[in-house]
Amino acid sequence: MMPTVNLFTALAVLLFLYAAWSDFRSWKIPNATILALVGLYAVNAAVALLMAEDIGATLFSSAGIGGDVGAGLLLFVLGFGLWLFGLFGAGDAKLFLPIGLFVGWHGMLPFAIFLLIGGVFTMLALKLPMPLQLAHLSFFTRIEEIRATRKIPYGVIMVFATIAALALRYGNA
């Protein structure tokens, strides 16, 4: 879509951060958040179409709406497969759809790289010992719960990879 940061992108980042916080707090990503992100993308796409000089390029190019929808569907199918095999929660799988929509086809590689970096960082962070002076804080108490259950809130990693990919996408504009 249009490579400018706008109100839609800022709202999307806030919604993505809410999804990450919710996943960290309770291992759940609300369906309403996913629907709000998809709806926000749809409104943004409609505005882009209304302002487009070349509707065909806006709709069908890999840098346009077609590429965004293709990326969203590809990630959603990947997430659904991971969910079927019990490797992902349903919320994480559903979150992949709006991630693809906002990151777009050309943002898939940076997203994948940031996702890998975030996964490695998370793995290392969960292996490191907890500083005793911080152990009483609620954030670190939650980290201990995550360690004990071995259930990773992947939505957090996915959201930070998304925000990094969006920063690259709109930072280069």
C-alpha atoms as a PDB file:
ATOM      1  CA  MET A   1       0.000   0.000   0.000  1.00  0.00           C
ATOM      2  CA  MET A   2       1.059   3.617   0.287  1.00  0.00           C
ATOM      3  CA  PRO A   3       4.486   3.846   1.951  1.00  0.00           C
ATOM      4  CA  THR A   4       3.639   6.634   4.384  1.00  0.00           C
ATOM      5  CA  VAL A   5       3.002   6.438   8.070  1.00  0.00           C
ATOM      6  CA  ASN A   6      -0.547   7.492   8.736  1.00  0.00           C
ATOM      7  CA  LEU A   7      -3.206   7.288  11.383  1.00  0.00           C
ATOM      8  CA  PHE A   8      -4.096   3.730  10.277  1.00  0.00           C
ATOM      9  CA  THR A   9      -0.538   2.528  10.814  1.00  0.00           C
ATOM     10  CA  ALA A  10      -0.304   4.210  14.222  1.00  0.00           C
ATOM     11  CA  LEU A  11      -3.606   2.634  15.316  1.00  0.00           C
ATOM     12  CA  ALA A  12      -2.448  -0.737  13.987  1.00  0.00           C
ATOM     13  CA  VAL A  13       0.750  -0.525  16.039  1.00  0.00           C
ATOM     14  CA  LEU A  14      -1.303   0.221  19.166  1.00  0.00           C
ATOM     15  CA  LEU A  15      -3.614  -2.718  18.459  1.00  0.00           C
ATOM     16  CA  PHE A  16      -0.641  -5.011  17.815  1.00  0.00           C
ATOM     17  CA  LEU A  17       0.917  -3.906  21.119  1.00  0.00           C
ATOM     18  CA  TYR A  18      -2.369  -4.648  22.895  1.00  0.00           C
ATOM     19  CA  ALA A  19      -2.388  -8.131  21.323  1.00  0.00           C
ATOM     20  CA  ALA A  20       1.191  -8.711  22.538  1.00  0.00           C
ATOM     21  CA  TRP A  21       0.352  -7.518  26.045  1.00  0.00           C
ATOM     22  CA  SER A  22      -2.743  -9.699  26.183  1.00  0.00           C
ATOM     23  CA  ASP A  23      -0.777 -12.724  24.972  1.00  0.00           C
ATOM     24  CA  PHE A  24       1.981 -12.086  27.523  1.00  0.00           C
ATOM     25  CA  ARG A  25      -0.525 -11.596  30.335  1.00  0.00           C
ATOM     26  CA  SER A  26      -2.871 -14.515  29.631  1.00  0.00           C
ATOM     27  CA  TRP A  27      -1.703 -16.520  26.585  1.00  0.00           C
ATOM     28  CA  LYS A  28      -4.785 -15.250  24.752  1.00  0.00           C
ATOM     29  CA  ILE A  29      -5.206 -12.813  21.883  1.00  0.00           C
ATOM     30  CA  PRO A  30      -8.762 -11.472  21.747  1.00  0.00           C
ATOM     31  CA  ASN A  31     -10.690 -12.096  18.536  1.00  0.00           C
ATOM     32  CA  ALA A  32     -11.916  -8.503  18.709  1.00  0.00           C
ATOM     33  CA  THR A  33      -8.316  -7.304  18.355  1.00  0.00           C
ATOM     34  CA  ILE A  34      -7.773  -9.465  15.271  1.00  0.00           C
ATOM     35  CA  LEU A  35     -11.049  -8.242  13.749  1.00  0.00           C
ATOM     36  CA  ALA A  36     -10.184  -4.628  14.558  1.00  0.00           C
ATOM     37  CA  LEU A  37      -6.818  -5.007  12.809  1.00  0.00           C
ATOM     38  CA  VAL A  38      -8.387  -6.591   9.717  1.00  0.00           C
ATOM     39  CA  GLY A  39     -11.102  -3.915   9.670  1.00  0.00           C
ATOM     40  CA  LEU A  40      -8.506  -1.179  10.053  1.00  0.00           C
ATOM     41  CA  TYR A  41      -6.577  -2.609   7.115  1.00  0.00           C
ATOM     42  CA  ALA A  42      -9.787  -2.772   5.030  1.00  0.00           C
ATOM     43  CA  VAL A  43     -10.536   0.895   5.694  1.00  0.00           C
ATOM     44  CA  ASN A  44      -6.924   1.821   4.905  1.00  0.00           C
ATOM     45  CA  ALA A  45      -7.126  -0.162   1.655  1.00  0.00           C
ATOM     46  CA  ALA A  46     -10.389   1.554   0.694  1.00  0.00           C
ATOM     47  CA  VAL A  47      -8.801   4.962   1.292  1.00  0.00           C
ATOM     48  CA  ALA A  48      -5.778   3.934  -0.777  1.00  0.00           C
ATOM     49  CA  LEU A  49      -8.067   2.869  -3.617  1.00  0.00           C
ATOM     50  CA  LEU A  50      -9.970   6.136  -3.493  1.00  0.00           C
ATOM     51  CA  MET A  51      -6.737   8.123  -3.668  1.00  0.00           C
ATOM     52  CA  ALA A  52      -5.010   5.888  -6.254  1.00  0.00           C
ATOM     53  CA  GLU A  53      -4.053   7.205  -9.649  1.00  0.00           C
ATOM     54  CA  ASP A  54      -3.645   3.674 -11.009  1.00  0.00           C
ATOM     55  CA  ILE A  55      -6.273   1.421  -9.447  1.00  0.00           C
ATOM     56  CA  GLY A  56      -4.921  -1.688 -11.182  1.00  0.00           C
ATOM     57  CA  ALA A  57      -1.447  -1.235  -9.720  1.00  0.00           C
ATOM     58  CA  THR A  58      -2.894  -0.449  -6.305  1.00  0.00           C
ATOM     59  CA  LEU A  59      -5.020  -3.589  -6.363  1.00  0.00           C
ATOM     60  CA  PHE A  60      -2.844  -6.144  -8.092  1.00  0.00           C
ATOM     61  CA  SER A  61       0.834  -5.295  -7.625  1.00  0.00           C
ATOM     62  CA  SER A  62       2.974  -7.097  -5.093  1.00  0.00           C
ATOM     63  CA  ALA A  63       3.561  -3.739  -3.386  1.00  0.00           C
ATOM     64  CA  GLY A  64      -0.165  -2.997  -3.313  1.00  0.00           C
ATOM     65  CA  ILE A  65      -3.279  -4.487  -1.796  1.00  0.00           C
ATOM     66  CA  GLY A  66      -2.831  -7.763  -3.694  1.00  0.00           C
ATOM     67  CA  GLY A  67       0.613  -8.279  -2.179  1.00  0.00           C
ATOM     68  CA  ASP A  68      -0.671  -7.414   1.273  1.00  0.00           C
ATOM     69  CA  VAL A  69      -3.585  -9.848   1.013  1.00  0.00           C
ATOM     70  CA  GLY A  70      -1.279 -12.529  -0.417  1.00  0.00           C
ATOM     71  CA  ALA A  71       1.133 -12.086   2.502  1.00  0.00           C
ATOM     72  CA  GLY A  72      -1.719 -12.197   5.009  1.00  0.00           C
ATOM     73  CA  LEU A  73      -3.205 -15.359   3.547  1.00  0.00           C
ATOM     74  CA  LEU A  74       0.184 -17.080   3.301  1.00  0.00           C
ATOM     75  CA  LEU A  75       0.988 -16.318   6.930  1.00  0.00           C
ATOM     76  CA  PHE A  76      -2.507 -17.335   8.042  1.00  0.00           C
ATOM     77  CA  VAL A  77      -2.190 -20.718   6.290  1.00  0.00           C
ATOM     78  CA  LEU A  78       1.243 -21.178   7.904  1.00  0.00           C
ATOM     79  CA  GLY A  79      -0.193 -20.285  11.310  1.00  0.00           C
ATOM     80  CA  PHE A  80      -3.155 -22.606  10.795  1.00  0.00           C
ATOM     81  CA  GLY A  81      -0.773 -25.458   9.976  1.00  0.00           C
ATOM     82  CA  LEU A  82       1.283 -24.759  13.090  1.00  0.00           C
ATOM     83  CA  TRP A  83      -1.920 -24.696  15.133  1.00  0.00           C
ATOM     84  CA  LEU A  84      -3.072 -28.019  13.644  1.00  0.00           C
ATOM     85  CA  PHE A  85       0.167 -29.638  14.791  1.00  0.00           C
ATOM     86  CA  GLY A  86      -0.173 -28.129  18.261  1.00  0.00           C
ATOM     87  CA  LEU A  87       2.842 -25.866  17.879  1.00  0.00           C
ATOM     88  CA  PHE A  88       0.907 -22.597  18.064  1.00  0.00           C
ATOM     89  CA  GLY A  89      -2.132 -21.292  19.851  1.00  0.00           C
ATOM     90  CA  ALA A  90      -5.198 -20.319  17.839  1.00  0.00           C
ATOM     91  CA  GLY A  91      -4.710 -16.630  18.649  1.00  0.00           C
ATOM     92  CA  ASP A  92      -1.155 -16.709  17.333  1.00  0.00           C
ATOM     93  CA  ALA A  93      -2.340 -18.372  14.126  1.00  0.00           C
ATOM     94  CA  LYS A  94      -5.092 -15.786  13.655  1.00  0.00           C
ATOM     95  CA  LEU A  95      -2.696 -12.914  14.400  1.00  0.00           C
ATOM     96  CA  PHE A  96      -0.649 -13.885  11.349  1.00  0.00           C
ATOM     97  CA  LEU A  97      -3.425 -12.635   9.011  1.00  0.00           C
ATOM     98  CA  PRO A  98      -3.326  -8.957  10.033  1.00  0.00           C
ATOM     99  CA  ILE A  99       0.455  -9.132  10.363  1.00  0.00           C
ATOM    100  CA  GLY A 100       0.700 -10.120   6.704  1.00  0.00           C
ATOM    101  CA  LEU A 101      -1.773  -7.444   5.692  1.00  0.00           C
ATOM    102  CA  PHE A 102       0.192  -4.664   7.349  1.00  0.00           C
ATOM    103  CA  VAL A 103       3.707  -5.942   6.622  1.00  0.00           C
ATOM    104  CA  GLY A 104       2.929  -6.711   2.981  1.00  0.00           C
ATOM    105  CA  TRP A 105       4.580  -9.007   0.506  1.00  0.00           C
ATOM    106  CA  HIS A 106       7.833  -7.048   0.404  1.00  0.00           C
ATOM    107  CA  GLY A 107       8.018  -7.000   4.201  1.00  0.00           C
ATOM    108  CA  MET A 108       7.877 -10.780   4.563  1.00  0.00           C
ATOM    109  CA  LEU A 109      11.652 -11.320   4.545  1.00  0.00           C
ATOM    110  CA  PRO A 110      12.414  -8.604   7.107  1.00  0.00           C
ATOM    111  CA  PHE A 111       9.517  -9.908   9.223  1.00  0.00           C
ATOM    112  CA  ALA A 112      10.934 -13.445   9.074  1.00  0.00           C
ATOM    113  CA  ILE A 113      14.409 -12.225  10.020  1.00  0.00           C
ATOM    114  CA  PHE A 114      13.092 -10.173  12.948  1.00  0.00           C
ATOM    115  CA  LEU A 115      10.940 -13.138  13.995  1.00  0.00           C
ATOM    116  CA  LEU A 116      14.029 -15.355  14.056  1.00  0.00           C
ATOM    117  CA  ILE A 117      16.004 -12.779  16.037  1.00  0.00           C
ATOM    118  CA  GLY A 118      13.110 -12.372  18.480  1.00  0.00           C
ATOM    119  CA  GLY A 119      12.797 -16.131  18.901  1.00  0.00           C
ATOM    120  CA  VAL A 120      16.503 -16.545  19.627  1.00  0.00           C
ATOM    121  CA  PHE A 121      16.454 -13.591  22.032  1.00  0.00           C
ATOM    122  CA  THR A 122      13.407 -15.020  23.836  1.00  0.00           C
ATOM    123  CA  MET A 123      14.998 -18.461  24.096  1.00  0.00           C
ATOM    124  CA  LEU A 124      18.144 -16.950  25.596  1.00  0.00           C
ATOM    125  CA  ALA A 125      16.187 -14.686  27.941  1.00  0.00           C
ATOM    126  CA  LEU A 126      14.205 -17.644  29.265  1.00  0.00           C
ATOM    127  CA  LYS A 127      17.422 -19.583  29.887  1.00  0.00           C
ATOM    128  CA  LEU A 128      19.202 -16.828  31.813  1.00  0.00           C
ATOM    129  CA  PRO A 129      18.924 -16.819  35.605  1.00  0.00           C
ATOM    130  CA  MET A 130      16.557 -14.349  37.213  1.00  0.00           C
ATOM    131  CA  PRO A 131      18.242 -11.567  39.208  1.00  0.00           C
ATOM    132  CA  LEU A 132      16.986 -12.012  42.786  1.00  0.00           C
ATOM    133  CA  GLN A 133      16.450  -8.296  43.336  1.00  0.00           C
ATOM    134  CA  LEU A 134      13.923  -8.274  40.428  1.00  0.00           C
ATOM    135  CA  ALA A 135      12.167 -11.577  41.158  1.00  0.00           C
ATOM    136  CA  HIS A 136       9.344  -9.931  43.138  1.00  0.00           C
ATOM    137  CA  LEU A 137       8.233  -7.652  40.274  1.00  0.00           C
ATOM    138  CA  SER A 138       5.089  -8.811  38.467  1.00  0.00           C
ATOM    139  CA  PHE A 139       6.787  -8.806  35.040  1.00  0.00           C
ATOM    140  CA  PHE A 140       9.488 -11.170  36.247  1.00  0.00           C
ATOM    141  CA  THR A 141       6.975 -13.277  38.151  1.00  0.00           C
ATOM    142  CA  ARG A 142       5.179 -13.751  34.821  1.00  0.00           C
ATOM    143  CA  ILE A 143       8.476 -14.700  33.160  1.00  0.00           C
ATOM    144  CA  GLU A 144       8.899 -17.386  35.820  1.00  0.00           C
ATOM    145  CA  GLU A 145       5.376 -18.697  35.079  1.00  0.00           C
ATOM    146  CA  ILE A 146       6.257 -18.871  31.390  1.00  0.00           C
ATOM    147  CA  ARG A 147       9.448 -20.770  32.223  1.00  0.00           C
ATOM    148  CA  ALA A 148       7.583 -23.200  34.459  1.00  0.00           C
ATOM    149  CA  THR A 149       4.820 -23.975  31.952  1.00  0.00           C
ATOM    150  CA  ARG A 150       7.093 -23.848  28.882  1.00  0.00           C
ATOM    151  CA  LYS A 151       4.220 -22.111  27.031  1.00  0.00           C
ATOM    152  CA  ILE A 152       5.735 -19.280  25.028  1.00  0.00           C
ATOM    153  CA  PRO A 153       3.495 -16.294  24.207  1.00  0.00           C
ATOM    154  CA  TYR A 154       4.558 -16.238  20.541  1.00  0.00           C
ATOM    155  CA  GLY A 155       2.282 -13.280  19.866  1.00  0.00           C
ATOM    156  CA  VAL A 156       4.766 -11.054  21.696  1.00  0.00           C
ATOM    157  CA  ILE A 157       7.630 -12.100  19.428  1.00  0.00           C
ATOM    158  CA  MET A 158       5.421 -11.830  16.340  1.00  0.00           C
ATOM    159  CA  VAL A 159       4.285  -8.316  17.234  1.00  0.00           C
ATOM    160  CA  PHE A 160       7.780  -7.002  17.836  1.00  0.00           C
ATOM    161  CA  ALA A 161       8.930  -8.515  14.529  1.00  0.00           C
ATOM    162  CA  THR A 162       5.941  -6.821  12.888  1.00  0.00           C
ATOM    163  CA  ILE A 163       6.727  -3.431  14.384  1.00  0.00           C
ATOM    164  CA  ALA A 164      10.370  -3.735  13.310  1.00  0.00           C
ATOM    165  CA  ALA A 165       9.301  -4.693   9.758  1.00  0.00           C
ATOM    166  CA  LEU A 166       6.844  -1.782   9.675  1.00  0.00           C
ATOM    167  CA  ALA A 167       9.586   0.566  10.834  1.00  0.00           C
ATOM    168  CA  LEU A 168      11.728  -0.614   7.924  1.00  0.00           C
ATOM    169  CA  ARG A 169       8.832  -0.339   5.477  1.00  0.00           C
ATOM    170  CA  TYR A 170       7.838   3.175   6.455  1.00  0.00           C
ATOM    171  CA  GLY A 171      11.289   4.360   7.516  1.00  0.00           C
ATOM    172  CA  ASN A 172      12.559   3.967   3.955  1.00  0.00           C
ATOM    173  CA  ALA A 173       9.694   5.969   2.470  1.00  0.00           C
END
